[in-house]
Full PDB file with SEQRES, HELIX, SHEET, SSBOND, CRYST1, ORIGX, SCALE, CONECT and MASTER records, all heavy atoms in Angstrom:
SEQRES   1 A   40  TYR GLU LEU MET GLU PHE ILE ARG PRO MET GLY ILE PRO          
SEQRES   2 A   40  VAL ILE PHE ILE THR ALA LYS SER SER LEU ASP ASP LYS          
SEQRES   3 A   40  MET LYS GLY LEU THR SER GLY ALA GLU ASP TYR LEU VAL          
SEQRES   4 A   40  LYS                                                          
HELIX    1 AA1 GLU A    2  ILE A    7  1                                   6    
HELIX    2 AA2 ARG A    8  MET A   10  5                                   3    
HELIX    3 AA3 LEU A   23  THR A   31  1                                   9    
SHEET    1 AA1 2 ILE A  15  THR A  18  0                                        
SHEET    2 AA1 2 ASP A  36  VAL A  39  1                                        
CRYST1    1.000    1.000    1.000  90.00  90.00  90.00 P 1           1          
ORIGX1      1.000000  0.000000  0.000000        0.00000                         
ORIGX2      0.000000  1.000000  0.000000        0.00000                         
ORIGX3      0.000000  0.000000  1.000000        0.00000                         
SCALE1      1.000000  0.000000  0.000000        0.00000                         
SCALE2      0.000000  1.000000  0.000000        0.00000                         
SCALE3      0.000000  0.000000  1.000000        0.00000                         
ATOM      1  N   TYR A   1       0.827  -1.201   0.000  1.00  0.00           N  
ATOM      2  CA  TYR A   1       0.000   0.000   0.000  1.00  0.00           C  
ATOM      3  C   TYR A   1       0.868   1.261   0.000  1.00  0.00           C  
ATOM      4  O   TYR A   1       0.585   2.226  -0.715  1.00  0.00           O  
ATOM      5  CB  TYR A   1      -0.923   0.016   1.209  1.00  0.00           C  
ATOM      6  CG  TYR A   1      -1.996  -1.052   1.196  1.00  0.00           C  
ATOM      7  CD1 TYR A   1      -2.252  -1.819   2.331  1.00  0.00           C  
ATOM      8  CD2 TYR A   1      -2.770  -1.285   0.057  1.00  0.00           C  
ATOM      9  CE1 TYR A   1      -3.239  -2.800   2.333  1.00  0.00           C  
ATOM     10  CE2 TYR A   1      -3.764  -2.260   0.047  1.00  0.00           C  
ATOM     11  CZ  TYR A   1      -3.989  -3.010   1.186  1.00  0.00           C  
ATOM     12  OH  TYR A   1      -4.967  -3.982   1.187  1.00  0.00           O  
ATOM     13  N   GLU A   2       1.905   1.237   0.816  1.00  0.00           N  
ATOM     14  CA  GLU A   2       2.813   2.396   0.866  1.00  0.00           C  
ATOM     15  C   GLU A   2       3.538   2.572  -0.471  1.00  0.00           C  
ATOM     16  O   GLU A   2       3.700   3.705  -0.953  1.00  0.00           O  
ATOM     17  CB  GLU A   2       3.825   2.215   2.002  1.00  0.00           C  
ATOM     18  CG  GLU A   2       3.196   2.241   3.385  1.00  0.00           C  
ATOM     19  CD  GLU A   2       4.153   1.756   4.476  1.00  0.00           C  
ATOM     20  OE1 GLU A   2       5.104   1.011   4.158  1.00  0.00           O  
ATOM     21  OE2 GLU A   2       3.938   2.140   5.637  1.00  0.00           O  
ATOM     22  N   LEU A   3       3.968   1.463  -1.052  1.00  0.00           N  
ATOM     23  CA  LEU A   3       4.663   1.539  -2.331  1.00  0.00           C  
ATOM     24  C   LEU A   3       3.711   2.030  -3.431  1.00  0.00           C  
ATOM     25  O   LEU A   3       4.129   2.743  -4.350  1.00  0.00           O  
ATOM     26  CB  LEU A   3       5.230   0.168  -2.695  1.00  0.00           C  
ATOM     27  CG  LEU A   3       6.169   0.114  -3.902  1.00  0.00           C  
ATOM     28  CD1 LEU A   3       7.363   1.036  -3.702  1.00  0.00           C  
ATOM     29  CD2 LEU A   3       6.652  -1.308  -4.148  1.00  0.00           C  
ATOM     30  N   MET A   4       2.443   1.679  -3.314  1.00  0.00           N  
ATOM     31  CA  MET A   4       1.456   2.125  -4.303  1.00  0.00           C  
ATOM     32  C   MET A   4       1.377   3.644  -4.336  1.00  0.00           C  
ATOM     33  O   MET A   4       1.199   4.246  -5.406  1.00  0.00           O  
ATOM     34  CB  MET A   4       0.091   1.519  -3.953  1.00  0.00           C  
ATOM     35  CG  MET A   4      -0.972   1.725  -5.006  1.00  0.00           C  
ATOM     36  SD  MET A   4      -0.659   0.794  -6.518  1.00  0.00           S  
ATOM     37  CE  MET A   4      -1.197   1.981  -7.733  1.00  0.00           C  
ATOM     38  N   GLU A   5       1.510   4.283  -3.178  1.00  0.00           N  
ATOM     39  CA  GLU A   5       1.508   5.747  -3.132  1.00  0.00           C  
ATOM     40  C   GLU A   5       2.674   6.320  -3.925  1.00  0.00           C  
ATOM     41  O   GLU A   5       2.557   7.377  -4.549  1.00  0.00           O  
ATOM     42  CB  GLU A   5       1.585   6.214  -1.667  1.00  0.00           C  
ATOM     43  CG  GLU A   5       0.371   5.871  -0.832  1.00  0.00           C  
ATOM     44  CD  GLU A   5      -0.870   6.607  -1.315  1.00  0.00           C  
ATOM     45  OE1 GLU A   5      -0.770   7.803  -1.639  1.00  0.00           O  
ATOM     46  OE2 GLU A   5      -1.935   5.972  -1.395  1.00  0.00           O  
ATOM     47  N   PHE A   6       3.795   5.619  -3.900  1.00  0.00           N  
ATOM     48  CA  PHE A   6       4.989   6.046  -4.635  1.00  0.00           C  
ATOM     49  C   PHE A   6       4.826   5.812  -6.136  1.00  0.00           C  
ATOM     50  O   PHE A   6       5.272   6.610  -6.963  1.00  0.00           O  
ATOM     51  CB  PHE A   6       6.208   5.271  -4.096  1.00  0.00           C  
ATOM     52  CG  PHE A   6       7.510   5.615  -4.737  1.00  0.00           C  
ATOM     53  CD1 PHE A   6       8.164   6.804  -4.441  1.00  0.00           C  
ATOM     54  CD2 PHE A   6       8.107   4.741  -5.638  1.00  0.00           C  
ATOM     55  CE1 PHE A   6       9.384   7.120  -5.032  1.00  0.00           C  
ATOM     56  CE2 PHE A   6       9.317   5.040  -6.240  1.00  0.00           C  
ATOM     57  CZ  PHE A   6       9.954   6.242  -5.938  1.00  0.00           C  
ATOM     58  N   ILE A   7       4.146   4.713  -6.489  1.00  0.00           N  
ATOM     59  CA  ILE A   7       4.007   4.318  -7.893  1.00  0.00           C  
ATOM     60  C   ILE A   7       2.957   5.145  -8.618  1.00  0.00           C  
ATOM     61  O   ILE A   7       3.130   5.493  -9.796  1.00  0.00           O  
ATOM     62  CB  ILE A   7       3.639   2.824  -7.989  1.00  0.00           C  
ATOM     63  CG1 ILE A   7       4.778   1.948  -7.464  1.00  0.00           C  
ATOM     64  CG2 ILE A   7       3.293   2.425  -9.426  1.00  0.00           C  
ATOM     65  CD1 ILE A   7       4.381   0.498  -7.277  1.00  0.00           C  
ATOM     66  N   ARG A   8       1.877   5.487  -7.933  1.00  0.00           N  
ATOM     67  CA  ARG A   8       0.711   6.065  -8.607  1.00  0.00           C  
ATOM     68  C   ARG A   8       1.031   7.284  -9.482  1.00  0.00           C  
ATOM     69  O   ARG A   8       0.543   7.351 -10.627  1.00  0.00           O  
ATOM     70  CB  ARG A   8      -0.365   6.416  -7.579  1.00  0.00           C  
ATOM     71  CG  ARG A   8      -1.700   6.771  -8.232  1.00  0.00           C  
ATOM     72  CD  ARG A   8      -2.847   6.709  -7.240  1.00  0.00           C  
ATOM     73  NE  ARG A   8      -2.561   7.516  -6.076  1.00  0.00           N  
ATOM     74  CZ  ARG A   8      -2.796   7.134  -4.824  1.00  0.00           C  
ATOM     75  NH1 ARG A   8      -3.315   5.960  -4.595  1.00  0.00           N  
ATOM     76  NH2 ARG A   8      -2.520   7.917  -3.814  1.00  0.00           N  
ATOM     77  N   PRO A   9       1.839   8.236  -9.032  1.00  0.00           N  
ATOM     78  CA  PRO A   9       2.132   9.384  -9.900  1.00  0.00           C  
ATOM     79  C   PRO A   9       2.898   9.012 -11.172  1.00  0.00           C  
ATOM     80  O   PRO A   9       2.929   9.808 -12.122  1.00  0.00           O  
ATOM     81  CB  PRO A   9       2.987  10.295  -9.006  1.00  0.00           C  
ATOM     82  CG  PRO A   9       2.694   9.867  -7.610  1.00  0.00           C  
ATOM     83  CD  PRO A   9       2.441   8.401  -7.694  1.00  0.00           C  
ATOM     84  N   MET A  10       3.508   7.819 -11.210  1.00  0.00           N  
ATOM     85  CA  MET A  10       4.279   7.405 -12.376  1.00  0.00           C  
ATOM     86  C   MET A  10       3.386   6.894 -13.513  1.00  0.00           C  
ATOM     87  O   MET A  10       3.840   6.769 -14.651  1.00  0.00           O  
ATOM     88  CB  MET A  10       5.264   6.292 -11.989  1.00  0.00           C  
ATOM     89  CG  MET A  10       6.256   6.696 -10.937  1.00  0.00           C  
ATOM     90  SD  MET A  10       7.333   5.303 -10.488  1.00  0.00           S  
ATOM     91  CE  MET A  10       8.367   6.083  -9.222  1.00  0.00           C  
ATOM     92  N   GLY A  11       2.142   6.567 -13.199  1.00  0.00           N  
ATOM     93  CA  GLY A  11       1.222   6.091 -14.220  1.00  0.00           C  
ATOM     94  C   GLY A  11       1.481   4.666 -14.684  1.00  0.00           C  
ATOM     95  O   GLY A  11       1.052   4.274 -15.774  1.00  0.00           O  
ATOM     96  N   ILE A  12       2.188   3.876 -13.867  1.00  0.00           N  
ATOM     97  CA  ILE A  12       2.467   2.480 -14.215  1.00  0.00           C  
ATOM     98  C   ILE A  12       1.335   1.610 -13.675  1.00  0.00           C  
ATOM     99  O   ILE A  12       1.025   1.673 -12.483  1.00  0.00           O  
ATOM    100  CB  ILE A  12       3.805   1.998 -13.622  1.00  0.00           C  
ATOM    101  CG1 ILE A  12       4.948   2.908 -14.071  1.00  0.00           C  
ATOM    102  CG2 ILE A  12       4.085   0.553 -14.024  1.00  0.00           C  
ATOM    103  CD1 ILE A  12       6.264   2.618 -13.353  1.00  0.00           C  
ATOM    104  N   PRO A  13       0.690   0.795 -14.505  1.00  0.00           N  
ATOM    105  CA  PRO A  13      -0.388  -0.067 -13.995  1.00  0.00           C  
ATOM    106  C   PRO A  13       0.143  -1.111 -13.015  1.00  0.00           C  
ATOM    107  O   PRO A  13       1.246  -1.627 -13.178  1.00  0.00           O  
ATOM    108  CB  PRO A  13      -0.957  -0.722 -15.254  1.00  0.00           C  
ATOM    109  CG  PRO A  13       0.126  -0.628 -16.273  1.00  0.00           C  
ATOM    110  CD  PRO A  13       0.891   0.615 -15.955  1.00  0.00           C  
ATOM    111  N   VAL A  14      -0.676  -1.397 -12.000  1.00  0.00           N  
ATOM    112  CA  VAL A  14      -0.295  -2.330 -10.930  1.00  0.00           C  
ATOM    113  C   VAL A  14      -1.378  -3.382 -10.768  1.00  0.00           C  
ATOM    114  O   VAL A  14      -2.574  -3.076 -10.784  1.00  0.00           O  
ATOM    115  CB  VAL A  14      -0.096  -1.575  -9.597  1.00  0.00           C  
ATOM    116  CG1 VAL A  14       0.090  -2.571  -8.447  1.00  0.00           C  
ATOM    117  CG2 VAL A  14       1.097  -0.625  -9.681  1.00  0.00           C  
ATOM    118  N   ILE A  15      -0.954  -4.632 -10.621  1.00  0.00           N  
ATOM    119  CA  ILE A  15      -1.841  -5.714 -10.199  1.00  0.00           C  
ATOM    120  C   ILE A  15      -1.361  -6.200  -8.839  1.00  0.00           C  
ATOM    121  O   ILE A  15      -0.212  -6.626  -8.705  1.00  0.00           O  
ATOM    122  CB  ILE A  15      -1.835  -6.887 -11.197  1.00  0.00           C  
ATOM    123  CG1 ILE A  15      -2.334  -6.439 -12.571  1.00  0.00           C  
ATOM    124  CG2 ILE A  15      -2.698  -8.043 -10.670  1.00  0.00           C  
ATOM    125  CD1 ILE A  15      -2.270  -7.524 -13.634  1.00  0.00           C  
ATOM    126  N   PHE A  16      -2.208  -6.099  -7.827  1.00  0.00           N  
ATOM    127  CA  PHE A  16      -1.854  -6.649  -6.522  1.00  0.00           C  
ATOM    128  C   PHE A  16      -1.962  -8.173  -6.572  1.00  0.00           C  
ATOM    129  O   PHE A  16      -2.937  -8.721  -7.087  1.00  0.00           O  
ATOM    130  CB  PHE A  16      -2.788  -6.121  -5.433  1.00  0.00           C  
ATOM    131  CG  PHE A  16      -2.379  -4.798  -4.848  1.00  0.00           C  
ATOM    132  CD1 PHE A  16      -3.256  -3.723  -4.852  1.00  0.00           C  
ATOM    133  CD2 PHE A  16      -1.125  -4.628  -4.292  1.00  0.00           C  
ATOM    134  CE1 PHE A  16      -2.894  -2.512  -4.307  1.00  0.00           C  
ATOM    135  CE2 PHE A  16      -0.742  -3.414  -3.746  1.00  0.00           C  
ATOM    136  CZ  PHE A  16      -1.630  -2.352  -3.755  1.00  0.00           C  
ATOM    137  N   ILE A  17      -0.954  -8.868  -6.035  1.00  0.00           N  
ATOM    138  CA  ILE A  17      -0.996 -10.320  -5.862  1.00  0.00           C  
ATOM    139  C   ILE A  17      -0.759 -10.581  -4.377  1.00  0.00           C  
ATOM    140  O   ILE A  17       0.308 -10.294  -3.854  1.00  0.00           O  
ATOM    141  CB  ILE A  17       0.054 -11.031  -6.739  1.00  0.00           C  
ATOM    142  CG1 ILE A  17       1.439 -10.382  -6.628  1.00  0.00           C  
ATOM    143  CG2 ILE A  17      -0.385 -11.024  -8.198  1.00  0.00           C  
ATOM    144  CD1 ILE A  17       2.536 -11.151  -7.328  1.00  0.00           C  
ATOM    145  N   THR A  18      -1.753 -11.107  -3.698  1.00  0.00           N  
ATOM    146  CA  THR A  18      -1.696 -11.131  -2.243  1.00  0.00           C  
ATOM    147  C   THR A  18      -2.541 -12.254  -1.657  1.00  0.00           C  
ATOM    148  O   THR A  18      -3.461 -12.755  -2.308  1.00  0.00           O  
ATOM    149  CB  THR A  18      -2.185  -9.781  -1.686  1.00  0.00           C  
ATOM    150  OG1 THR A  18      -2.216  -9.809  -0.249  1.00  0.00           O  
ATOM    151  CG2 THR A  18      -3.575  -9.446  -2.205  1.00  0.00           C  
ATOM    152  N   ALA A  19      -2.225 -12.620  -0.425  1.00  0.00           N  
ATOM    153  CA  ALA A  19      -3.028 -13.603   0.307  1.00  0.00           C  
ATOM    154  C   ALA A  19      -4.183 -12.945   1.045  1.00  0.00           C  
ATOM    155  O   ALA A  19      -5.043 -13.633   1.598  1.00  0.00           O  
ATOM    156  CB  ALA A  19      -2.140 -14.354   1.303  1.00  0.00           C  
ATOM    157  N   LYS A  20      -4.231 -11.613   1.065  1.00  0.00           N  
ATOM    158  CA  LYS A  20      -5.296 -10.886   1.769  1.00  0.00           C  
ATOM    159  C   LYS A  20      -6.559 -10.938   0.915  1.00  0.00           C  
ATOM    160  O   LYS A  20      -6.634 -10.302  -0.136  1.00  0.00           O  
ATOM    161  CB  LYS A  20      -4.865  -9.451   2.038  1.00  0.00           C  
ATOM    162  CG  LYS A  20      -3.630  -9.368   2.956  1.00  0.00           C  
ATOM    163  CD  LYS A  20      -3.076  -7.965   3.046  1.00  0.00           C  
ATOM    164  CE  LYS A  20      -3.935  -7.052   3.907  1.00  0.00           C  
ATOM    165  NZ  LYS A  20      -3.940  -7.459   5.328  1.00  0.00           N  
ATOM    166  N   SER A  21      -7.534 -11.736   1.368  1.00  0.00           N  
ATOM    167  CA  SER A  21      -8.669 -12.081   0.514  1.00  0.00           C  
ATOM    168  C   SER A  21     -10.001 -11.465   0.921  1.00  0.00           C  
ATOM    169  O   SER A  21     -11.012 -11.685   0.250  1.00  0.00           O  
ATOM    170  CB  SER A  21      -8.835 -13.604   0.474  1.00  0.00           C  
ATOM    171  OG  SER A  21      -9.069 -14.109   1.779  1.00  0.00           O  
ATOM    172  N   SER A  22     -10.037 -10.685   1.988  1.00  0.00           N  
ATOM    173  CA  SER A  22     -11.314 -10.132   2.420  1.00  0.00           C  
ATOM    174  C   SER A  22     -11.795  -9.058   1.452  1.00  0.00           C  
ATOM    175  O   SER A  22     -11.010  -8.458   0.706  1.00  0.00           O  
ATOM    176  CB  SER A  22     -11.196  -9.531   3.822  1.00  0.00           C  
ATOM    177  OG  SER A  22     -10.484  -8.301   3.782  1.00  0.00           O  
ATOM    178  N   LEU A  23     -13.090  -8.799   1.461  1.00  0.00           N  
ATOM    179  CA  LEU A  23     -13.662  -7.775   0.593  1.00  0.00           C  
ATOM    180  C   LEU A  23     -13.072  -6.402   0.911  1.00  0.00           C  
ATOM    181  O   LEU A  23     -12.793  -5.602   0.003  1.00  0.00           O  
ATOM    182  CB  LEU A  23     -15.185  -7.744   0.751  1.00  0.00           C  
ATOM    183  CG  LEU A  23     -15.924  -6.714  -0.113  1.00  0.00           C  
ATOM    184  CD1 LEU A  23     -15.645  -6.940  -1.587  1.00  0.00           C  
ATOM    185  CD2 LEU A  23     -17.418  -6.768   0.173  1.00  0.00           C  
ATOM    186  N   ASP A  24     -12.856  -6.124   2.209  1.00  0.00           N  
ATOM    187  CA  ASP A  24     -12.269  -4.837   2.599  1.00  0.00           C  
ATOM    188  C   ASP A  24     -10.874  -4.677   2.007  1.00  0.00           C  
ATOM    189  O   ASP A  24     -10.511  -3.586   1.539  1.00  0.00           O  
ATOM    190  CB  ASP A  24     -12.198  -4.719   4.125  1.00  0.00           C  
ATOM    191  CG  ASP A  24     -13.564  -4.483   4.754  1.00  0.00           C  
ATOM    192  OD1 ASP A  24     -14.505  -4.106   4.010  1.00  0.00           O  
ATOM    193  OD2 ASP A  24     -13.697  -4.683   5.971  1.00  0.00           O  
ATOM    194  N   ASP A  25     -10.083  -5.757   2.028  1.00  0.00           N  
ATOM    195  CA  ASP A  25      -8.730  -5.691   1.459  1.00  0.00           C  
ATOM    196  C   ASP A  25      -8.794  -5.432  -0.042  1.00  0.00           C  
ATOM    197  O   ASP A  25      -8.021  -4.631  -0.586  1.00  0.00           O  
ATOM    198  CB  ASP A  25      -7.972  -6.992   1.725  1.00  0.00           C  
ATOM    199  CG  ASP A  25      -7.565  -7.138   3.179  1.00  0.00           C  
ATOM    200  OD1 ASP A  25      -7.193  -6.121   3.792  1.00  0.00           O  
ATOM    201  OD2 ASP A  25      -7.625  -8.261   3.693  1.00  0.00           O  
ATOM    202  N   LYS A  26      -9.715  -6.133  -0.728  1.00  0.00           N  
ATOM    203  CA  LYS A  26      -9.851  -5.932  -2.171  1.00  0.00           C  
ATOM    204  C   LYS A  26     -10.253  -4.504  -2.494  1.00  0.00           C  
ATOM    205  O   LYS A  26      -9.709  -3.875  -3.409  1.00  0.00           O  
ATOM    206  CB  LYS A  26     -10.874  -6.912  -2.745  1.00  0.00           C  
ATOM    207  CG  LYS A  26     -10.428  -8.367  -2.713  1.00  0.00           C  
ATOM    208  CD  LYS A  26     -11.509  -9.270  -3.291  1.00  0.00           C  
ATOM    209  CE  LYS A  26     -11.101 -10.731  -3.213  1.00  0.00           C  
ATOM    210  NZ  LYS A  26     -12.164 -11.633  -3.742  1.00  0.00           N  
ATOM    211  N   MET A  27     -11.210  -3.982  -1.737  1.00  0.00           N  
ATOM    212  CA  MET A  27     -11.652  -2.611  -1.972  1.00  0.00           C  
ATOM    213  C   MET A  27     -10.524  -1.621  -1.720  1.00  0.00           C  
ATOM    214  O   MET A  27     -10.329  -0.669  -2.481  1.00  0.00           O  
ATOM    215  CB  MET A  27     -12.857  -2.301  -1.082  1.00  0.00           C  
ATOM    216  CG  MET A  27     -14.117  -3.056  -1.452  1.00  0.00           C  
ATOM    217  SD  MET A  27     -14.677  -2.707  -3.138  1.00  0.00           S  
ATOM    218  CE  MET A  27     -15.074  -0.968  -2.979  1.00  0.00           C  
ATOM    219  N   LYS A  28      -9.765  -1.857  -0.662  1.00  0.00           N  
ATOM    220  CA  LYS A  28      -8.641  -0.962  -0.362  1.00  0.00           C  
ATOM    221  C   LYS A  28      -7.607  -1.010  -1.475  1.00  0.00           C  
ATOM    222  O   LYS A  28      -7.062   0.029  -1.882  1.00  0.00           O  
ATOM    223  CB  LYS A  28      -8.002  -1.352   0.972  1.00  0.00           C  
ATOM    224  CG  LYS A  28      -6.867  -0.426   1.406  1.00  0.00           C  
ATOM    225  CD  LYS A  28      -6.336  -0.799   2.780  1.00  0.00           C  
ATOM    226  CE  LYS A  28      -5.197   0.139   3.190  1.00  0.00           C  
ATOM    227  NZ  LYS A  28      -4.670  -0.200   4.542  1.00  0.00           N  
ATOM    228  N   GLY A  29      -7.320  -2.231  -1.965  1.00  0.00           N  
ATOM    229  CA  GLY A  29      -6.332  -2.371  -3.022  1.00  0.00           C  
ATOM    230  C   GLY A  29      -6.747  -1.681  -4.306  1.00  0.00           C  
ATOM    231  O   GLY A  29      -5.966  -0.957  -4.928  1.00  0.00           O  
ATOM    232  N   LEU A  30      -8.006  -1.860  -4.696  1.00  0.00           N  
ATOM    233  CA  LEU A  30      -8.478  -1.275  -5.949  1.00  0.00           C  
ATOM    234  C   LEU A  30      -8.657   0.233  -5.849  1.00  0.00           C  
ATOM    235  O   LEU A  30      -8.354   0.972  -6.786  1.00  0.00           O  
ATOM    236  CB  LEU A  30      -9.783  -1.948  -6.376  1.00  0.00           C  
ATOM    237  CG  LEU A  30      -9.656  -3.418  -6.775  1.00  0.00           C  
ATOM    238  CD1 LEU A  30     -11.033  -4.047  -6.980  1.00  0.00           C  
ATOM    239  CD2 LEU A  30      -8.806  -3.580  -8.033  1.00  0.00           C  
ATOM    240  N   THR A  31      -9.127   0.708  -4.697  1.00  0.00           N  
ATOM    241  CA  THR A  31      -9.301   2.153  -4.548  1.00  0.00           C  
ATOM    242  C   THR A  31      -7.970   2.875  -4.344  1.00  0.00           C  
ATOM    243  O   THR A  31      -7.902   4.092  -4.501  1.00  0.00           O  
ATOM    244  CB  THR A  31     -10.239   2.480  -3.362  1.00  0.00           C  
ATOM    245  OG1 THR A  31      -9.728   1.875  -2.158  1.00  0.00           O  
ATOM    246  CG2 THR A  31     -11.648   1.973  -3.621  1.00  0.00           C  
ATOM    247  N   SER A  32      -6.913   2.133  -4.034  1.00  0.00           N  
ATOM    248  CA  SER A  32      -5.592   2.763  -3.904  1.00  0.00           C  
ATOM    249  C   SER A  32      -4.978   3.076  -5.260  1.00  0.00           C  
ATOM    250  O   SER A  32      -3.959   3.760  -5.341  1.00  0.00           O  
ATOM    251  CB  SER A  32      -4.648   1.852  -3.115  1.00  0.00           C  
ATOM    252  OG  SER A  32      -4.278   0.719  -3.881  1.00  0.00           O  
ATOM    253  N   GLY A  33      -5.595   2.539  -6.323  1.00  0.00           N  
ATOM    254  CA  GLY A  33      -5.102   2.844  -7.660  1.00  0.00           C  
ATOM    255  C   GLY A  33      -4.687   1.637  -8.476  1.00  0.00           C  
ATOM    256  O   GLY A  33      -4.308   1.784  -9.641  1.00  0.00           O  
ATOM    257  N   ALA A  34      -4.754   0.429  -7.902  1.00  0.00           N  
ATOM    258  CA  ALA A  34      -4.370  -0.773  -8.647  1.00  0.00           C  
ATOM    259  C   ALA A  34      -5.406  -1.080  -9.729  1.00  0.00           C  
ATOM    260  O   ALA A  34      -6.598  -0.798  -9.570  1.00  0.00           O  
ATOM    261  CB  ALA A  34      -4.241  -1.961  -7.704  1.00  0.00           C  
ATOM    262  N   GLU A  35      -4.938  -1.663 -10.830  1.00  0.00           N  
ATOM    263  CA  GLU A  35      -5.829  -2.039 -11.927  1.00  0.00           C  
ATOM    264  C   GLU A  35      -6.562  -3.343 -11.655  1.00  0.00           C  
ATOM    265  O   GLU A  35      -7.652  -3.578 -12.177  1.00  0.00           O  
ATOM    266  CB  GLU A  35      -5.024  -2.172 -13.229  1.00  0.00           C  
ATOM    267  CG  GLU A  35      -4.521  -0.874 -13.779  1.00  0.00           C  
ATOM    268  CD  GLU A  35      -5.643   0.012 -14.283  1.00  0.00           C  
ATOM    269  OE1 GLU A  35      -6.610  -0.516 -14.848  1.00  0.00           O  
ATOM    270  OE2 GLU A  35      -5.549   1.237 -14.094  1.00  0.00           O  
ATOM    271  N   ASP A  36      -5.954  -4.216 -10.836  1.00  0.00           N  
ATOM    272  CA  ASP A  36      -6.562  -5.513 -10.570  1.00  0.00           C  
ATOM    273  C   ASP A  36      -6.034  -6.031  -9.246  1.00  0.00           C  
ATOM    274  O   ASP A  36      -5.041  -5.518  -8.697  1.00  0.00           O  
ATOM    275  CB  ASP A  36      -6.248  -6.499 -11.700  1.00  0.00           C  
ATOM    276  CG  ASP A  36      -7.281  -7.616 -11.820  1.00  0.00           C  
ATOM    277  OD1 ASP A  36      -8.080  -7.798 -10.884  1.00  0.00           O  
ATOM    278  OD2 ASP A  36      -7.282  -8.306 -12.850  1.00  0.00           O  
ATOM    279  N   TYR A  37      -6.685  -7.067  -8.724  1.00  0.00           N  
ATOM    280  CA  TYR A  37      -6.363  -7.614  -7.407  1.00  0.00           C  
ATOM    281  C   TYR A  37      -6.544  -9.122  -7.496  1.00  0.00           C  
ATOM    282  O   TYR A  37      -7.657  -9.612  -7.695  1.00  0.00           O  
ATOM    283  CB  TYR A  37      -7.319  -7.007  -6.371  1.00  0.00           C  
ATOM    284  CG  TYR A  37      -6.976  -7.260  -4.916  1.00  0.00           C  
ATOM    285  CD1 TYR A  37      -6.429  -6.251  -4.134  1.00  0.00           C  
ATOM    286  CD2 TYR A  37      -7.237  -8.490  -4.320  1.00  0.00           C  
ATOM    287  CE1 TYR A  37      -6.153  -6.450  -2.789  1.00  0.00           C  
ATOM    288  CE2 TYR A  37      -6.947  -8.709  -2.983  1.00  0.00           C  
ATOM    289  CZ  TYR A  37      -6.410  -7.681  -2.227  1.00  0.00           C  
ATOM    290  OH  TYR A  37      -6.125  -7.885  -0.897  1.00  0.00           O  
ATOM    291  N   LEU A  38      -5.449  -9.870  -7.379  1.00  0.00           N  
ATOM    292  CA  LEU A  38      -5.468 -11.325  -7.544  1.00  0.00           C  
ATOM    293  C   LEU A  38      -5.052 -11.986  -6.236  1.00  0.00           C  
ATOM    294  O   LEU A  38      -3.996 -11.687  -5.687  1.00  0.00           O  
ATOM    295  CB  LEU A  38      -4.519 -11.727  -8.671  1.00  0.00           C  
ATOM    296  CG  LEU A  38      -4.530 -13.178  -9.135  1.00  0.00           C  
ATOM    297  CD1 LEU A  38      -5.932 -13.603  -9.579  1.00  0.00           C  
ATOM    298  CD2 LEU A  38      -3.546 -13.363 -10.276  1.00  0.00           C  
ATOM    299  N   VAL A  39      -5.899 -12.881  -5.749  1.00  0.00           N  
ATOM    300  CA  VAL A  39      -5.676 -13.510  -4.445  1.00  0.00           C  
ATOM    301  C   VAL A  39      -4.923 -14.830  -4.621  1.00  0.00           C  
ATOM    302  O   VAL A  39      -5.261 -15.644  -5.482  1.00  0.00           O  
ATOM    303  CB  VAL A  39      -7.022 -13.760  -3.725  1.00  0.00           C  
ATOM    304  CG1 VAL A  39      -6.798 -14.498  -2.402  1.00  0.00           C  
ATOM    305  CG2 VAL A  39      -7.743 -12.440  -3.488  1.00  0.00           C  
ATOM    306  N   LYS A  40      -3.890 -15.038  -3.798  1.00  0.00           N  
ATOM    307  CA  LYS A  40      -3.161 -16.303  -3.769  1.00  0.00           C  
ATOM    308  C   LYS A  40      -3.994 -17.356  -3.034  1.00  0.00           C  
ATOM    309  O   LYS A  40      -4.681 -17.021  -2.075  1.00  0.00           O  
ATOM    310  CB  LYS A  40      -1.823 -16.139  -3.028  1.00  0.00           C  
ATOM    311  CG  LYS A  40      -0.911 -15.058  -3.547  1.00  0.00           C  
ATOM    312  CD  LYS A  40       0.282 -14.924  -2.596  1.00  0.00           C  
ATOM    313  CE  LYS A  40       1.116 -13.709  -2.893  1.00  0.00           C  
ATOM    314  NZ  LYS A  40       2.166 -13.513  -1.864  1.00  0.00           N  
TER     315      LYS A  40                                                      
MASTER        0    0    0    3    2    0    0    6  314    1    0    4          
END                                                                             
């Protein structure tokens, strides 16, 4: 999440790959600027 703040101004698309599978985590990931969210 912290790194996403650094990446976002660069305009590079991001896909989160994570074990955090709750709906709240997905919403946080997508609203932080990621293009997609894939659960391990």
